[in-house]
Every structure is written in C-alpha cells, then in structure tokens.
Amino acid sequence: MIADEHVEEMKRRLKIFHTAENKHIESLLKQSYKDISYRCQSFVMGESLRGTELVYERTRYAYNDLLEYFHENFISQITSFALENMEEEDYEE
C-alpha cells in the first residue's frame, strides 16, 4: 500500500528534508489512501496515476490542516476517478 518511496515523494512535494516527520507523513498517506479507495474502490499506489495523485493531494491538505477543503476542491477529480475505477458488473446473468 504505502511504501517508503511514497513517503519520500510526499516529503519532496512538501519540501521536507529531514526524517523527523516520516511516521506522521506515512500515517497521513495511509489515511488518505483509505479515504480515496473507500470513495473510488481500491487501487495500487504508483500504478494508478490519478489515484496516487489524489492520495498525495489529500495528504498535502491534511498536513497543512486544510482537510475540510479537499473534497470540495477535488470533487470532479474524485468523481471521475471513481467512475473510471468502477468494477464492471454483468447484469445479464
């Protein structure tokens, strides 16, 4: 799910150059992944560019204590990713 490479990428995006916040950032990434996968179905970090980007963006908002604005600002991206990521159902059976 969340690997060290994801923590390092998030630190790069946040311009953090020390290791003191690694556990906190990892926790935020895990929470963000759970939220996005709950709304859009599960996906593999790094393989799904849109899903991965949503996790990073939600983590950025959470890190900056602005999480209440994330869903409002990203509703179209979340909705389109959820539709793209939907599992197909065979309704004829």
N, C-alpha and C. Protein backbone atom coordinates (compact mmCIF):
# COMPACT_ATOMS: atom_id res chain seq x y z
N MET A 1 0.84 -1.19 0.00
CA MET A 1 0.00 0.00 0.00
C MET A 1 0.89 1.25 0.00
N ILE A 2 1.34 1.69 1.16
CA ILE A 2 2.20 2.87 1.25
C ILE A 2 3.63 2.40 1.52
N ALA A 3 4.51 2.70 0.58
CA ALA A 3 5.92 2.30 0.69
C ALA A 3 6.78 3.52 1.03
N ASP A 4 8.02 3.25 1.35
CA ASP A 4 8.96 4.33 1.67
C ASP A 4 9.08 5.32 0.52
N GLU A 5 8.99 4.83 -0.71
CA GLU A 5 9.10 5.73 -1.87
C GLU A 5 7.95 6.75 -1.90
N HIS A 6 6.77 6.36 -1.40
CA HIS A 6 5.65 7.29 -1.36
C HIS A 6 5.88 8.36 -0.29
N VAL A 7 6.45 7.95 0.83
CA VAL A 7 6.78 8.90 1.90
C VAL A 7 7.81 9.90 1.37
N GLU A 8 8.83 9.40 0.69
CA GLU A 8 9.88 10.28 0.15
C GLU A 8 9.31 11.24 -0.90
N GLU A 9 8.42 10.75 -1.75
CA GLU A 9 7.79 11.63 -2.75
C GLU A 9 6.97 12.71 -2.07
N MET A 10 6.23 12.35 -1.03
CA MET A 10 5.41 13.33 -0.32
C MET A 10 6.30 14.36 0.36
N LYS A 11 7.40 13.92 0.95
CA LYS A 11 8.35 14.86 1.57
C LYS A 11 8.93 15.80 0.51
N ARG A 12 9.22 15.29 -0.66
CA ARG A 12 9.74 16.14 -1.74
C ARG A 12 8.73 17.20 -2.11
N ARG A 13 7.46 16.81 -2.22
CA ARG A 13 6.39 17.75 -2.58
C ARG A 13 6.19 18.81 -1.50
N LEU A 14 6.37 18.41 -0.24
CA LEU A 14 6.19 19.34 0.87
C LEU A 14 7.48 20.10 1.21
N LYS A 15 8.55 19.79 0.49
CA LYS A 15 9.86 20.41 0.72
C LYS A 15 10.36 20.16 2.14
N ILE A 16 10.26 18.90 2.56
CA ILE A 16 10.74 18.47 3.87
C ILE A 16 12.01 17.65 3.63
N PHE A 17 13.09 18.04 4.31
CA PHE A 17 14.38 17.41 4.05
C PHE A 17 14.93 16.65 5.25
N HIS A 18 14.14 16.47 6.28
CA HIS A 18 14.58 15.73 7.46
C HIS A 18 13.70 14.50 7.63
N THR A 19 14.07 13.64 8.57
CA THR A 19 13.32 12.40 8.76
C THR A 19 12.39 12.44 9.97
N ALA A 20 12.38 13.54 10.69
CA ALA A 20 11.60 13.63 11.93
C ALA A 20 10.10 13.43 11.71
N GLU A 21 9.60 13.76 10.54
CA GLU A 21 8.16 13.65 10.29
C GLU A 21 7.77 12.45 9.44
N ASN A 22 8.68 11.54 9.20
CA ASN A 22 8.39 10.38 8.34
C ASN A 22 7.17 9.59 8.81
N LYS A 23 7.10 9.28 10.09
CA LYS A 23 5.96 8.49 10.62
C LYS A 23 4.66 9.25 10.46
N HIS A 24 4.68 10.55 10.72
CA HIS A 24 3.47 11.37 10.58
C HIS A 24 3.02 11.40 9.11
N ILE A 25 3.94 11.59 8.21
CA ILE A 25 3.59 11.63 6.78
C ILE A 25 3.10 10.27 6.31
N GLU A 26 3.73 9.21 6.78
CA GLU A 26 3.27 7.86 6.42
C GLU A 26 1.84 7.64 6.92
N SER A 27 1.56 8.07 8.12
CA SER A 27 0.21 7.94 8.68
C SER A 27 -0.81 8.72 7.85
N LEU A 28 -0.46 9.94 7.47
CA LEU A 28 -1.36 10.75 6.64
C LEU A 28 -1.59 10.11 5.27
N LEU A 29 -0.53 9.55 4.69
CA LEU A 29 -0.66 8.87 3.40
C LEU A 29 -1.58 7.66 3.52
N LYS A 30 -1.45 6.89 4.60
CA LYS A 30 -2.31 5.72 4.80
C LYS A 30 -3.77 6.15 4.96
N GLN A 31 -4.01 7.19 5.74
CA GLN A 31 -5.37 7.69 5.92
C GLN A 31 -5.94 8.18 4.59
N SER A 32 -5.13 8.87 3.82
CA SER A 32 -5.57 9.39 2.53
C SER A 32 -5.87 8.26 1.56
N TYR A 33 -5.00 7.24 1.54
CA TYR A 33 -5.26 6.09 0.67
C TYR A 33 -6.58 5.41 1.05
N LYS A 34 -6.81 5.22 2.34
CA LYS A 34 -8.06 4.59 2.78
C LYS A 34 -9.27 5.41 2.36
N ASP A 35 -9.18 6.72 2.50
CA ASP A 35 -10.30 7.59 2.13
C ASP A 35 -10.57 7.53 0.62
N ILE A 36 -9.54 7.66 -0.18
CA ILE A 36 -9.72 7.65 -1.64
C ILE A 36 -10.17 6.26 -2.11
N SER A 37 -9.61 5.22 -1.57
CA SER A 37 -10.02 3.87 -2.00
C SER A 37 -11.44 3.56 -1.53
N TYR A 38 -11.88 4.10 -0.40
CA TYR A 38 -13.26 3.94 0.05
C TYR A 38 -14.22 4.61 -0.92
N ARG A 39 -13.87 5.79 -1.38
CA ARG A 39 -14.73 6.55 -2.28
C ARG A 39 -14.67 6.05 -3.73
N CYS A 40 -13.53 5.50 -4.11
CA CYS A 40 -13.29 5.19 -5.53
C CYS A 40 -12.94 3.74 -5.81
N GLN A 41 -13.01 2.86 -4.85
CA GLN A 41 -12.59 1.47 -4.90
C GLN A 41 -11.07 1.38 -4.83
N SER A 42 -10.58 0.23 -4.42
CA SER A 42 -9.14 0.09 -4.19
C SER A 42 -8.35 0.18 -5.49
N PHE A 43 -7.11 0.56 -5.35
CA PHE A 43 -6.18 0.71 -6.48
C PHE A 43 -4.78 0.54 -5.94
N VAL A 44 -3.83 0.44 -6.82
CA VAL A 44 -2.43 0.26 -6.41
C VAL A 44 -1.70 1.59 -6.54
N MET A 45 -1.13 2.02 -5.42
CA MET A 45 -0.34 3.26 -5.43
C MET A 45 0.81 3.12 -6.41
N GLY A 46 0.98 4.11 -7.23
CA GLY A 46 2.05 4.10 -8.22
C GLY A 46 1.60 3.56 -9.57
N GLU A 47 0.68 2.61 -9.57
CA GLU A 47 0.18 2.06 -10.84
C GLU A 47 -0.96 2.92 -11.37
N SER A 48 -1.78 3.43 -10.49
CA SER A 48 -2.87 4.31 -10.89
C SER A 48 -2.43 5.75 -10.68
N LEU A 49 -2.09 6.43 -11.76
CA LEU A 49 -1.60 7.80 -11.67
C LEU A 49 -2.62 8.72 -11.02
N ARG A 50 -3.88 8.62 -11.43
CA ARG A 50 -4.92 9.51 -10.90
C ARG A 50 -5.19 9.21 -9.42
N GLY A 51 -5.25 7.97 -9.05
CA GLY A 51 -5.47 7.61 -7.66
C GLY A 51 -4.31 8.03 -6.78
N THR A 52 -3.11 7.80 -7.24
CA THR A 52 -1.91 8.18 -6.49
C THR A 52 -1.87 9.69 -6.30
N GLU A 53 -2.18 10.42 -7.35
CA GLU A 53 -2.18 11.89 -7.26
C GLU A 53 -3.22 12.39 -6.26
N LEU A 54 -4.39 11.77 -6.24
CA LEU A 54 -5.41 12.15 -5.26
C LEU A 54 -4.94 11.88 -3.83
N VAL A 55 -4.25 10.78 -3.63
CA VAL A 55 -3.71 10.48 -2.29
C VAL A 55 -2.70 11.54 -1.88
N TYR A 56 -1.80 11.90 -2.78
CA TYR A 56 -0.80 12.93 -2.46
C TYR A 56 -1.48 14.27 -2.17
N GLU A 57 -2.46 14.64 -2.97
CA GLU A 57 -3.13 15.92 -2.75
C GLU A 57 -3.90 15.93 -1.44
N ARG A 58 -4.60 14.83 -1.12
CA ARG A 58 -5.33 14.78 0.16
C ARG A 58 -4.35 14.84 1.32
N THR A 59 -3.21 14.19 1.18
CA THR A 59 -2.18 14.22 2.23
C THR A 59 -1.65 15.64 2.41
N ARG A 60 -1.46 16.35 1.32
CA ARG A 60 -0.99 17.74 1.40
C ARG A 60 -1.99 18.60 2.17
N TYR A 61 -3.26 18.43 1.87
CA TYR A 61 -4.29 19.18 2.59
C TYR A 61 -4.29 18.79 4.08
N ALA A 62 -4.20 17.50 4.37
CA ALA A 62 -4.20 17.04 5.76
C ALA A 62 -2.97 17.57 6.50
N TYR A 63 -1.81 17.53 5.87
CA TYR A 63 -0.59 18.01 6.50
C TYR A 63 -0.69 19.49 6.88
N ASN A 64 -1.34 20.26 6.03
CA ASN A 64 -1.49 21.70 6.26
C ASN A 64 -2.76 22.06 7.02
N ASP A 65 -3.41 21.07 7.64
CA ASP A 65 -4.64 21.28 8.43
C ASP A 65 -5.73 21.98 7.63
N LEU A 66 -5.89 21.60 6.36
CA LEU A 66 -6.91 22.16 5.49
C LEU A 66 -7.80 21.08 4.89
N LEU A 67 -7.88 19.95 5.55
CA LEU A 67 -8.58 18.79 5.01
C LEU A 67 -10.04 19.08 4.69
N GLU A 68 -10.65 19.99 5.42
CA GLU A 68 -12.07 20.30 5.17
C GLU A 68 -12.31 20.88 3.78
N TYR A 69 -11.27 21.34 3.11
CA TYR A 69 -11.40 21.91 1.76
C TYR A 69 -11.09 20.91 0.65
N PHE A 70 -10.49 19.79 0.99
CA PHE A 70 -10.04 18.85 -0.05
C PHE A 70 -11.18 18.35 -0.92
N HIS A 71 -12.22 17.78 -0.32
CA HIS A 71 -13.28 17.18 -1.12
C HIS A 71 -14.00 18.21 -1.97
N GLU A 72 -14.19 19.39 -1.43
CA GLU A 72 -14.82 20.47 -2.19
C GLU A 72 -13.98 20.86 -3.41
N ASN A 73 -12.67 20.94 -3.22
CA ASN A 73 -11.78 21.37 -4.30
C ASN A 73 -11.48 20.27 -5.32
N PHE A 74 -11.65 19.02 -4.93
CA PHE A 74 -11.28 17.90 -5.80
C PHE A 74 -12.46 17.01 -6.17
N ILE A 75 -13.68 17.49 -5.98
CA ILE A 75 -14.86 16.65 -6.22
C ILE A 75 -14.92 16.12 -7.66
N SER A 76 -14.57 16.93 -8.62
CA SER A 76 -14.64 16.45 -10.01
C SER A 76 -13.60 15.37 -10.28
N GLN A 77 -12.38 15.53 -9.74
CA GLN A 77 -11.34 14.51 -9.93
C GLN A 77 -11.69 13.22 -9.20
N ILE A 78 -12.25 13.35 -8.00
CA ILE A 78 -12.66 12.16 -7.23
C ILE A 78 -13.77 11.42 -7.96
N THR A 79 -14.76 12.16 -8.45
CA THR A 79 -15.88 11.54 -9.16
C THR A 79 -15.42 10.86 -10.44
N SER A 80 -14.60 11.53 -11.22
CA SER A 80 -14.15 10.92 -12.47
C SER A 80 -13.27 9.70 -12.22
N PHE A 81 -12.43 9.76 -11.18
CA PHE A 81 -11.61 8.58 -10.84
C PHE A 81 -12.49 7.44 -10.37
N ALA A 82 -13.50 7.75 -9.56
CA ALA A 82 -14.42 6.70 -9.08
C ALA A 82 -15.13 6.03 -10.26
N LEU A 83 -15.58 6.82 -11.23
CA LEU A 83 -16.26 6.25 -12.40
C LEU A 83 -15.29 5.43 -13.25
N GLU A 84 -14.08 5.92 -13.41
CA GLU A 84 -13.06 5.22 -14.18
C GLU A 84 -12.66 3.92 -13.50
N ASN A 85 -12.68 3.90 -12.18
CA ASN A 85 -12.17 2.78 -11.39
C ASN A 85 -13.27 1.77 -11.03
N MET A 86 -14.50 2.02 -11.47
CA MET A 86 -15.61 1.13 -11.13
C MET A 86 -15.40 -0.26 -11.71
N GLU A 87 -15.78 -1.25 -10.92
CA GLU A 87 -15.73 -2.62 -11.42
C GLU A 87 -16.97 -2.84 -12.28
N GLU A 88 -16.76 -3.50 -13.39
CA GLU A 88 -17.87 -3.77 -14.28
C GLU A 88 -18.72 -4.91 -13.73
N GLU A 89 -20.01 -4.74 -13.80
CA GLU A 89 -20.96 -5.76 -13.36
C GLU A 89 -21.65 -6.35 -14.57
N ASP A 90 -21.86 -7.65 -14.55
CA ASP A 90 -22.59 -8.31 -15.64
C ASP A 90 -24.04 -8.45 -15.18
N TYR A 91 -24.88 -7.53 -15.64
CA TYR A 91 -26.27 -7.51 -15.19
C TYR A 91 -27.16 -8.46 -15.96
N GLU A 92 -26.65 -9.09 -17.00
CA GLU A 92 -27.46 -10.00 -17.81
C GLU A 92 -27.64 -11.35 -17.14
N GLU A 93 -26.79 -11.69 -16.21
CA GLU A 93 -26.87 -13.00 -15.57
C GLU A 93 -27.91 -13.05 -14.50
